[in-house]
Amino acid sequence: MLTLTDQELFRYDRQITLQGFDIEKQQILKNSSVLIIGLGGLGCSASLYLAASGIGKLTLNDFDTISASNLNRQILYTHKSINQNKVDAAKHSLTNINPNILIETVNQSLNDNDLISLIKQHNIVIDCTDNLVTREQINRCCFQEKKPLVSGAAIRMEGLLSVFTFQSNEPCYQCLSHLFGNDQLTCVETGVMAPLVGMFGSMQAIEAIKILTHYGRPLSGRLLMVDTMNMQFNQFSISKQANCPVCGNHQTDQ
């Protein structure tokens, strides 16, 4: 296990001094690898705080380029980033924030086999994508490898957050998504408030840190729903579906 340098002990002092979060847990972060899929509003915020918090390795996966309409909410990019690949611009910004971490990029859409191969190389996956088909693909591949998945979504003034660890009798994302129906709106169609994606991307980073370091209680088996128009927070239990095509006919490992 890589140990923390004196410089890192000073840099992460405010985390290390948290009650129950010590040098050992900070070292776990240094030796952890996180796969972030989607470098839009959620991914920019999640990756920024994970980089700043001292995650040892981040892999960024996206195949899009930056447009001017991204800049109000995708905080790793500037006007000079327009037309650049998102993963390249994000890596540049994150390296400036924390040059001591390893950042790798995957600038392409992945089929199941390639995604599974990438998931195997990481301790946890953060889904920051914006469409149901990709979310269900990520869930399916994470379930196969039993790698924890942090899922977030934001649209208009509302956001959703949940964690899936694929333990026995726990639901997967598909157990939730079957309730959504086929007509899924996007922020291109309905809009999204810029700080909302920052809020939920930051919470995705918190959940990832909690899972990696066994600190606190992750949002596993629960769905957090926030309506920021009225600033109402609601939490619901997610039930494992016996007929789920992903996890319903399998016995997961403890």
C-alpha atoms as a PDB file:
ATOM      1  CA  MET A   1       0.000   0.000   0.000  1.00  0.00           C
ATOM      2  CA  LEU A   2       1.251   3.467  -0.909  1.00  0.00           C
ATOM      3  CA  THR A   3       1.762   5.658   2.139  1.00  0.00           C
ATOM      4  CA  LEU A   4       1.026   9.353   2.459  1.00  0.00           C
ATOM      5  CA  THR A   5       3.853  11.826   2.085  1.00  0.00           C
ATOM      6  CA  ASP A   6       4.326  14.668   4.545  1.00  0.00           C
ATOM      7  CA  GLN A   7       2.984  17.027   1.886  1.00  0.00           C
ATOM      8  CA  GLU A   8      -0.156  14.901   1.521  1.00  0.00           C
ATOM      9  CA  LEU A   9      -0.663  14.668   5.277  1.00  0.00           C
ATOM     10  CA  PHE A  10      -0.730  18.457   5.367  1.00  0.00           C
ATOM     11  CA  ARG A  11      -2.922  18.783   2.272  1.00  0.00           C
ATOM     12  CA  TYR A  12      -5.603  16.395   3.562  1.00  0.00           C
ATOM     13  CA  ASP A  13      -5.377  17.454   7.210  1.00  0.00           C
ATOM     14  CA  ARG A  14      -9.011  18.637   7.372  1.00  0.00           C
ATOM     15  CA  GLN A  15     -10.229  15.216   6.278  1.00  0.00           C
ATOM     16  CA  ILE A  16      -7.825  13.291   8.482  1.00  0.00           C
ATOM     17  CA  THR A  17      -8.966  15.234  11.559  1.00  0.00           C
ATOM     18  CA  LEU A  18     -12.606  14.241  11.020  1.00  0.00           C
ATOM     19  CA  GLN A  19     -13.842  12.015  13.829  1.00  0.00           C
ATOM     20  CA  GLY A  20     -13.440   8.438  12.648  1.00  0.00           C
ATOM     21  CA  PHE A  21     -11.630   9.440   9.459  1.00  0.00           C
ATOM     22  CA  ASP A  22      -7.930   8.997  10.092  1.00  0.00           C
ATOM     23  CA  ILE A  23      -4.634   8.591   8.244  1.00  0.00           C
ATOM     24  CA  GLU A  24      -5.487   4.990   7.422  1.00  0.00           C
ATOM     25  CA  LYS A  25      -8.665   5.986   5.605  1.00  0.00           C
ATOM     26  CA  GLN A  26      -6.856   8.735   3.718  1.00  0.00           C
ATOM     27  CA  GLN A  27      -4.323   6.126   2.619  1.00  0.00           C
ATOM     28  CA  ILE A  28      -7.187   3.954   1.391  1.00  0.00           C
ATOM     29  CA  LEU A  29      -8.238   6.849  -0.853  1.00  0.00           C
ATOM     30  CA  LYS A  30      -4.689   7.191  -2.159  1.00  0.00           C
ATOM     31  CA  ASN A  31      -4.707   3.497  -3.073  1.00  0.00           C
ATOM     32  CA  SER A  32      -8.190   3.535  -4.614  1.00  0.00           C
ATOM     33  CA  SER A  33      -9.247   3.808  -8.252  1.00  0.00           C
ATOM     34  CA  VAL A  34     -12.533   5.314  -9.434  1.00  0.00           C
ATOM     35  CA  LEU A  35     -14.149   5.057 -12.856  1.00  0.00           C
ATOM     36  CA  ILE A  36     -16.307   8.075 -13.740  1.00  0.00           C
ATOM     37  CA  ILE A  37     -18.580   7.617 -16.745  1.00  0.00           C
ATOM     38  CA  GLY A  38     -19.894  10.881 -18.166  1.00  0.00           C
ATOM     39  CA  LEU A  39     -18.042  14.196 -17.897  1.00  0.00           C
ATOM     40  CA  GLY A  40     -21.014  16.550 -18.027  1.00  0.00           C
ATOM     41  CA  GLY A  41     -22.288  18.551 -15.074  1.00  0.00           C
ATOM     42  CA  LEU A  42     -22.376  15.645 -12.636  1.00  0.00           C
ATOM     43  CA  GLY A  43     -19.067  14.178 -13.749  1.00  0.00           C
ATOM     44  CA  CYS A  44     -17.250  17.509 -13.595  1.00  0.00           C
ATOM     45  CA  SER A  45     -18.312  18.086 -10.005  1.00  0.00           C
ATOM     46  CA  ALA A  46     -17.786  14.490  -8.836  1.00  0.00           C
ATOM     47  CA  SER A  47     -14.327  14.242 -10.400  1.00  0.00           C
ATOM     48  CA  LEU A  48     -13.253  17.636  -9.052  1.00  0.00           C
ATOM     49  CA  TYR A  49     -14.017  16.728  -5.449  1.00  0.00           C
ATOM     50  CA  LEU A  50     -12.592  13.221  -5.732  1.00  0.00           C
ATOM     51  CA  ALA A  51      -9.380  14.627  -7.167  1.00  0.00           C
ATOM     52  CA  ALA A  52      -9.195  17.273  -4.454  1.00  0.00           C
ATOM     53  CA  SER A  53      -9.938  14.649  -1.776  1.00  0.00           C
ATOM     54  CA  GLY A  54      -6.941  12.519  -2.731  1.00  0.00           C
ATOM     55  CA  ILE A  55      -8.251   9.574  -4.745  1.00  0.00           C
ATOM     56  CA  GLY A  56      -5.188   7.829  -6.149  1.00  0.00           C
ATOM     57  CA  LYS A  57      -6.507   7.123  -9.650  1.00  0.00           C
ATOM     58  CA  LEU A  58      -9.371   8.522 -11.699  1.00  0.00           C
ATOM     59  CA  THR A  59     -10.401   7.146 -15.070  1.00  0.00           C
ATOM     60  CA  LEU A  60     -12.610   9.484 -17.092  1.00  0.00           C
ATOM     61  CA  ASN A  61     -14.871   8.038 -19.796  1.00  0.00           C
ATOM     62  CA  ASP A  62     -16.793  10.224 -22.242  1.00  0.00           C
ATOM     63  CA  PHE A  63     -16.847  10.581 -26.028  1.00  0.00           C
ATOM     64  CA  ASP A  64     -18.336  14.070 -26.341  1.00  0.00           C
ATOM     65  CA  THR A  65     -16.783  17.449 -27.097  1.00  0.00           C
ATOM     66  CA  ILE A  66     -17.389  20.721 -25.264  1.00  0.00           C
ATOM     67  CA  SER A  67     -19.889  23.270 -26.555  1.00  0.00           C
ATOM     68  CA  ALA A  68     -20.655  26.771 -25.317  1.00  0.00           C
ATOM     69  CA  SER A  69     -23.954  25.562 -23.846  1.00  0.00           C
ATOM     70  CA  ASN A  70     -22.016  23.265 -21.472  1.00  0.00           C
ATOM     71  CA  LEU A  71     -20.097  26.030 -19.763  1.00  0.00           C
ATOM     72  CA  ASN A  72     -22.769  27.236 -17.336  1.00  0.00           C
ATOM     73  CA  ARG A  73     -22.754  23.965 -15.377  1.00  0.00           C
ATOM     74  CA  GLN A  74     -19.720  21.871 -16.433  1.00  0.00           C
ATOM     75  CA  ILE A  75     -17.249  23.594 -14.175  1.00  0.00           C
ATOM     76  CA  LEU A  76     -13.999  21.991 -15.340  1.00  0.00           C
ATOM     77  CA  TYR A  77     -14.251  23.724 -18.716  1.00  0.00           C
ATOM     78  CA  THR A  78     -13.649  27.297 -19.879  1.00  0.00           C
ATOM     79  CA  HIS A  79     -14.362  29.228 -23.071  1.00  0.00           C
ATOM     80  CA  LYS A  80     -10.990  28.037 -24.372  1.00  0.00           C
ATOM     81  CA  SER A  81     -12.163  24.434 -23.945  1.00  0.00           C
ATOM     82  CA  ILE A  82     -14.899  24.682 -26.597  1.00  0.00           C
ATOM     83  CA  ASN A  83     -14.582  21.919 -29.247  1.00  0.00           C
ATOM     84  CA  GLN A  84     -12.050  20.003 -27.151  1.00  0.00           C
ATOM     85  CA  ASN A  85     -12.730  16.446 -26.023  1.00  0.00           C
ATOM     86  CA  LYS A  86     -14.321  16.527 -22.585  1.00  0.00           C
ATOM     87  CA  VAL A  87     -12.005  13.905 -21.121  1.00  0.00           C
ATOM     88  CA  ASP A  88      -8.880  15.775 -22.253  1.00  0.00           C
ATOM     89  CA  ALA A  89     -10.049  19.148 -20.935  1.00  0.00           C
ATOM     90  CA  ALA A  90     -11.200  17.544 -17.678  1.00  0.00           C
ATOM     91  CA  LYS A  91      -7.853  15.806 -17.193  1.00  0.00           C
ATOM     92  CA  HIS A  92      -6.043  19.111 -17.720  1.00  0.00           C
ATOM     93  CA  SER A  93      -8.167  20.896 -15.113  1.00  0.00           C
ATOM     94  CA  LEU A  94      -8.003  18.076 -12.586  1.00  0.00           C
ATOM     95  CA  THR A  95      -4.221  17.787 -12.927  1.00  0.00           C
ATOM     96  CA  ASN A  96      -3.968  21.477 -12.047  1.00  0.00           C
ATOM     97  CA  ILE A  97      -6.152  20.857  -8.989  1.00  0.00           C
ATOM     98  CA  ASN A  98      -4.130  17.860  -7.797  1.00  0.00           C
ATOM     99  CA  PRO A  99      -0.965  16.896  -9.696  1.00  0.00           C
ATOM    100  CA  ASN A 100      -0.282  14.013  -7.290  1.00  0.00           C
ATOM    101  CA  ILE A 101      -3.009  11.707  -8.599  1.00  0.00           C
ATOM    102  CA  LEU A 102      -3.111   9.515 -11.707  1.00  0.00           C
ATOM    103  CA  ILE A 103      -5.739  10.456 -14.286  1.00  0.00           C
ATOM    104  CA  GLU A 104      -6.480   8.273 -17.318  1.00  0.00           C
ATOM    105  CA  THR A 105      -8.971   8.957 -20.106  1.00  0.00           C
ATOM    106  CA  VAL A 106     -11.133   6.825 -22.369  1.00  0.00           C
ATOM    107  CA  ASN A 107     -12.519   8.907 -25.217  1.00  0.00           C
ATOM    108  CA  GLN A 108     -15.024   6.463 -26.716  1.00  0.00           C
ATOM    109  CA  SER A 109     -18.370   4.781 -26.268  1.00  0.00           C
ATOM    110  CA  LEU A 110     -17.916   1.306 -24.791  1.00  0.00           C
ATOM    111  CA  ASN A 111     -19.660  -1.962 -25.522  1.00  0.00           C
ATOM    112  CA  ASP A 112     -20.358  -4.387 -22.676  1.00  0.00           C
ATOM    113  CA  ASN A 113     -17.089  -6.300 -23.026  1.00  0.00           C
ATOM    114  CA  ASP A 114     -14.934  -3.178 -23.066  1.00  0.00           C
ATOM    115  CA  LEU A 115     -16.876  -1.642 -20.186  1.00  0.00           C
ATOM    116  CA  ILE A 116     -16.564  -4.785 -18.075  1.00  0.00           C
ATOM    117  CA  SER A 117     -12.822  -4.866 -18.748  1.00  0.00           C
ATOM    118  CA  LEU A 118     -12.554  -1.264 -17.548  1.00  0.00           C
ATOM    119  CA  ILE A 119     -14.753  -1.833 -14.488  1.00  0.00           C
ATOM    120  CA  LYS A 120     -12.520  -4.716 -13.390  1.00  0.00           C
ATOM    121  CA  GLN A 121      -9.612  -2.288 -13.046  1.00  0.00           C
ATOM    122  CA  HIS A 122     -11.395  -0.039 -10.534  1.00  0.00           C
ATOM    123  CA  ASN A 123     -12.742  -0.178  -7.000  1.00  0.00           C
ATOM    124  CA  ILE A 124     -15.947   1.735  -7.692  1.00  0.00           C
ATOM    125  CA  VAL A 125     -17.933   3.222 -10.586  1.00  0.00           C
ATOM    126  CA  ILE A 126     -19.727   6.574 -10.658  1.00  0.00           C
ATOM    127  CA  ASP A 127     -22.505   6.905 -13.229  1.00  0.00           C
ATOM    128  CA  CYS A 128     -22.781  10.525 -14.359  1.00  0.00           C
ATOM    129  CA  THR A 129     -24.461   9.797 -17.692  1.00  0.00           C
ATOM    130  CA  ASP A 130     -27.688  11.317 -18.926  1.00  0.00           C
ATOM    131  CA  ASN A 131     -29.653   8.543 -20.643  1.00  0.00           C
ATOM    132  CA  LEU A 132     -31.418   5.415 -19.444  1.00  0.00           C
ATOM    133  CA  VAL A 133     -29.881   2.978 -21.928  1.00  0.00           C
ATOM    134  CA  THR A 134     -26.345   3.806 -20.794  1.00  0.00           C
ATOM    135  CA  ARG A 135     -27.315   3.768 -17.124  1.00  0.00           C
ATOM    136  CA  GLU A 136     -28.785   0.303 -17.479  1.00  0.00           C
ATOM    137  CA  GLN A 137     -25.684  -0.892 -19.333  1.00  0.00           C
ATOM    138  CA  ILE A 138     -23.428   0.381 -16.552  1.00  0.00           C
ATOM    139  CA  ASN A 139     -25.627  -1.272 -13.926  1.00  0.00           C
ATOM    140  CA  ARG A 140     -25.604  -4.572 -15.811  1.00  0.00           C
ATOM    141  CA  CYS A 141     -21.815  -4.603 -16.114  1.00  0.00           C
ATOM    142  CA  CYS A 142     -21.218  -3.492 -12.516  1.00  0.00           C
ATOM    143  CA  PHE A 143     -23.577  -6.210 -11.307  1.00  0.00           C
ATOM    144  CA  GLN A 144     -21.617  -8.831 -13.223  1.00  0.00           C
ATOM    145  CA  GLU A 145     -18.378  -7.747 -11.539  1.00  0.00           C
ATOM    146  CA  LYS A 146     -20.021  -6.856  -8.180  1.00  0.00           C
ATOM    147  CA  LYS A 147     -18.373  -3.433  -8.232  1.00  0.00           C
ATOM    148  CA  PRO A 148     -20.196  -0.718  -6.253  1.00  0.00           C
ATOM    149  CA  LEU A 149     -22.078   1.815  -8.349  1.00  0.00           C
ATOM    150  CA  VAL A 150     -22.982   5.383  -7.376  1.00  0.00           C
ATOM    151  CA  SER A 151     -25.800   6.692  -9.543  1.00  0.00           C
ATOM    152  CA  GLY A 152     -26.932  10.307  -9.792  1.00  0.00           C
ATOM    153  CA  ALA A 153     -29.313  12.235 -12.015  1.00  0.00           C
ATOM    154  CA  ALA A 154     -30.353  15.873 -12.272  1.00  0.00           C
ATOM    155  CA  ILE A 155     -32.945  17.643 -14.409  1.00  0.00           C
ATOM    156  CA  ARG A 156     -34.866  20.914 -14.117  1.00  0.00           C
ATOM    157  CA  MET A 157     -34.698  21.624 -10.359  1.00  0.00           C
ATOM    158  CA  GLU A 158     -34.820  17.975  -9.229  1.00  0.00           C
ATOM    159  CA  GLY A 159     -32.221  15.331  -8.527  1.00  0.00           C
ATOM    160  CA  LEU A 160     -31.918  11.643  -7.649  1.00  0.00           C
ATOM    161  CA  LEU A 161     -29.118   9.785  -5.888  1.00  0.00           C
ATOM    162  CA  SER A 162     -28.610   6.155  -4.956  1.00  0.00           C
ATOM    163  CA  VAL A 163     -25.903   3.544  -4.356  1.00  0.00           C
ATOM    164  CA  PHE A 164     -25.864  -0.074  -5.488  1.00  0.00           C
ATOM    165  CA  THR A 165     -23.438  -2.509  -3.872  1.00  0.00           C
ATOM    166  CA  PHE A 166     -25.034  -5.705  -5.274  1.00  0.00           C
ATOM    167  CA  GLN A 167     -25.127  -7.545  -1.986  1.00  0.00           C
ATOM    168  CA  SER A 168     -27.605 -10.361  -1.416  1.00  0.00           C
ATOM    169  CA  ASN A 169     -31.223  -9.152  -1.229  1.00  0.00           C
ATOM    170  CA  GLU A 170     -30.246  -5.621  -2.300  1.00  0.00           C
ATOM    171  CA  PRO A 171     -31.706  -4.066  -5.464  1.00  0.00           C
ATOM    172  CA  CYS A 172     -29.823  -3.026  -8.570  1.00  0.00           C
ATOM    173  CA  TYR A 173     -30.456   0.084 -10.682  1.00  0.00           C
ATOM    174  CA  GLN A 174     -32.711  -1.916 -13.007  1.00  0.00           C
ATOM    175  CA  CYS A 175     -35.018  -2.644 -10.069  1.00  0.00           C
ATOM    176  CA  LEU A 176     -35.546   1.128  -9.899  1.00  0.00           C
ATOM    177  CA  SER A 177     -35.445   2.096 -13.573  1.00  0.00           C
ATOM    178  CA  HIS A 178     -38.303  -0.206 -14.589  1.00  0.00           C
ATOM    179  CA  LEU A 179     -40.569   2.319 -12.852  1.00  0.00           C
ATOM    180  CA  PHE A 180     -39.477   5.186 -15.117  1.00  0.00           C
ATOM    181  CA  GLY A 181     -41.217   4.224 -18.359  1.00  0.00           C
ATOM    182  CA  ASN A 182     -39.867   4.620 -21.873  1.00  0.00           C
ATOM    183  CA  ASP A 183     -40.280   8.380 -22.386  1.00  0.00           C
ATOM    184  CA  GLN A 184     -37.279   9.833 -20.598  1.00  0.00           C
ATOM    185  CA  LEU A 185     -36.762  13.582 -20.827  1.00  0.00           C
ATOM    186  CA  THR A 186     -33.301  15.136 -20.999  1.00  0.00           C
ATOM    187  CA  CYS A 187     -31.953  18.472 -19.812  1.00  0.00           C
ATOM    188  CA  VAL A 188     -31.655  19.491 -23.479  1.00  0.00           C
ATOM    189  CA  GLU A 189     -35.449  19.325 -23.666  1.00  0.00           C
ATOM    190  CA  THR A 190     -36.411  20.581 -20.217  1.00  0.00           C
ATOM    191  CA  GLY A 191     -33.370  22.445 -18.920  1.00  0.00           C
ATOM    192  CA  VAL A 192     -31.424  22.097 -15.683  1.00  0.00           C
ATOM    193  CA  MET A 193     -30.304  24.609 -13.054  1.00  0.00           C
ATOM    194  CA  ALA A 194     -26.507  24.848 -13.010  1.00  0.00           C
ATOM    195  CA  PRO A 195     -25.862  24.482  -9.238  1.00  0.00           C
ATOM    196  CA  LEU A 196     -28.093  21.392  -9.113  1.00  0.00           C
ATOM    197  CA  VAL A 197     -25.594  19.237 -10.995  1.00  0.00           C
ATOM    198  CA  GLY A 198     -22.824  20.530  -8.741  1.00  0.00           C
ATOM    199  CA  MET A 199     -24.858  19.561  -5.704  1.00  0.00           C
ATOM    200  CA  PHE A 200     -25.510  16.014  -6.882  1.00  0.00           C
ATOM    201  CA  GLY A 201     -22.058  15.440  -8.342  1.00  0.00           C
ATOM    202  CA  SER A 202     -20.600  16.435  -4.981  1.00  0.00           C
ATOM    203  CA  MET A 203     -22.918  13.998  -3.209  1.00  0.00           C
ATOM    204  CA  GLN A 204     -21.823  11.242  -5.596  1.00  0.00           C
ATOM    205  CA  ALA A 205     -18.226  11.961  -4.574  1.00  0.00           C
ATOM    206  CA  ILE A 206     -19.175  11.767  -0.889  1.00  0.00           C
ATOM    207  CA  GLU A 207     -20.904   8.418  -1.350  1.00  0.00           C
ATOM    208  CA  ALA A 208     -17.885   7.035  -3.213  1.00  0.00           C
ATOM    209  CA  ILE A 209     -15.531   8.104  -0.428  1.00  0.00           C
ATOM    210  CA  LYS A 210     -17.825   6.558   2.196  1.00  0.00           C
ATOM    211  CA  ILE A 211     -17.959   3.234   0.354  1.00  0.00           C
ATOM    212  CA  LEU A 212     -14.219   3.068  -0.277  1.00  0.00           C
ATOM    213  CA  THR A 213     -13.278   3.861   3.323  1.00  0.00           C
ATOM    214  CA  HIS A 214     -16.233   2.227   5.132  1.00  0.00           C
ATOM    215  CA  TYR A 215     -17.047   5.597   6.659  1.00  0.00           C
ATOM    216  CA  GLY A 216     -20.650   6.310   7.539  1.00  0.00           C
ATOM    217  CA  ARG A 217     -23.688   4.665   5.999  1.00  0.00           C
ATOM    218  CA  PRO A 218     -23.907   4.670   2.190  1.00  0.00           C
ATOM    219  CA  LEU A 219     -27.202   5.274   0.411  1.00  0.00           C
ATOM    220  CA  SER A 220     -27.448   1.611  -0.548  1.00  0.00           C
ATOM    221  CA  GLY A 221     -30.972   0.289  -1.088  1.00  0.00           C
ATOM    222  CA  ARG A 222     -32.318   3.832  -0.717  1.00  0.00           C
ATOM    223  CA  LEU A 223     -33.207   6.611  -3.134  1.00  0.00           C
ATOM    224  CA  LEU A 224     -32.697  10.256  -2.236  1.00  0.00           C
ATOM    225  CA  MET A 225     -34.963  12.661  -4.117  1.00  0.00           C
ATOM    226  CA  VAL A 226     -34.476  16.408  -3.841  1.00  0.00           C
ATOM    227  CA  ASP A 227     -36.787  19.105  -5.182  1.00  0.00           C
ATOM    228  CA  THR A 228     -34.716  22.250  -4.954  1.00  0.00           C
ATOM    229  CA  MET A 229     -37.584  24.446  -6.140  1.00  0.00           C
ATOM    230  CA  ASN A 230     -39.045  23.961  -2.649  1.00  0.00           C
ATOM    231  CA  MET A 231     -35.857  22.533  -1.080  1.00  0.00           C
ATOM    232  CA  GLN A 232     -37.644  19.333  -0.098  1.00  0.00           C
ATOM    233  CA  PHE A 233     -35.606  16.211   0.640  1.00  0.00           C
ATOM    234  CA  ASN A 234     -37.295  12.801   0.511  1.00  0.00           C
ATOM    235  CA  GLN A 235     -35.858   9.330   0.927  1.00  0.00           C
ATOM    236  CA  PHE A 236     -37.391   6.043  -0.177  1.00  0.00           C
ATOM    237  CA  SER A 237     -36.441   2.401   0.128  1.00  0.00           C
ATOM    238  CA  ILE A 238     -35.790   0.541  -3.132  1.00  0.00           C
ATOM    239  CA  SER A 239     -37.020  -3.044  -3.218  1.00  0.00           C
ATOM    240  CA  LYS A 240     -35.237  -5.853  -5.023  1.00  0.00           C
ATOM    241  CA  GLN A 241     -37.503  -7.053  -7.842  1.00  0.00           C
ATOM    242  CA  ALA A 242     -37.861 -10.836  -8.077  1.00  0.00           C
ATOM    243  CA  ASN A 243     -38.344 -10.611 -11.836  1.00  0.00           C
ATOM    244  CA  CYS A 244     -35.513  -8.115 -12.465  1.00  0.00           C
ATOM    245  CA  PRO A 245     -33.703  -9.168 -15.677  1.00  0.00           C
ATOM    246  CA  VAL A 246     -30.351  -8.216 -14.144  1.00  0.00           C
ATOM    247  CA  CYS A 247     -30.376  -9.353 -10.513  1.00  0.00           C
ATOM    248  CA  GLY A 248     -33.693 -11.158 -10.045  1.00  0.00           C
ATOM    249  CA  ASN A 249     -32.563 -14.625 -11.101  1.00  0.00           C
ATOM    250  CA  HIS A 250     -29.114 -14.487  -9.510  1.00  0.00           C
ATOM    251  CA  GLN A 251     -27.792 -14.980  -6.013  1.00  0.00           C
ATOM    252  CA  THR A 252     -25.277 -12.246  -5.301  1.00  0.00           C
ATOM    253  CA  ASP A 253     -22.278 -12.697  -3.072  1.00  0.00           C
ATOM    254  CA  GLN A 254     -22.205 -11.348   0.448  1.00  0.00           C
END
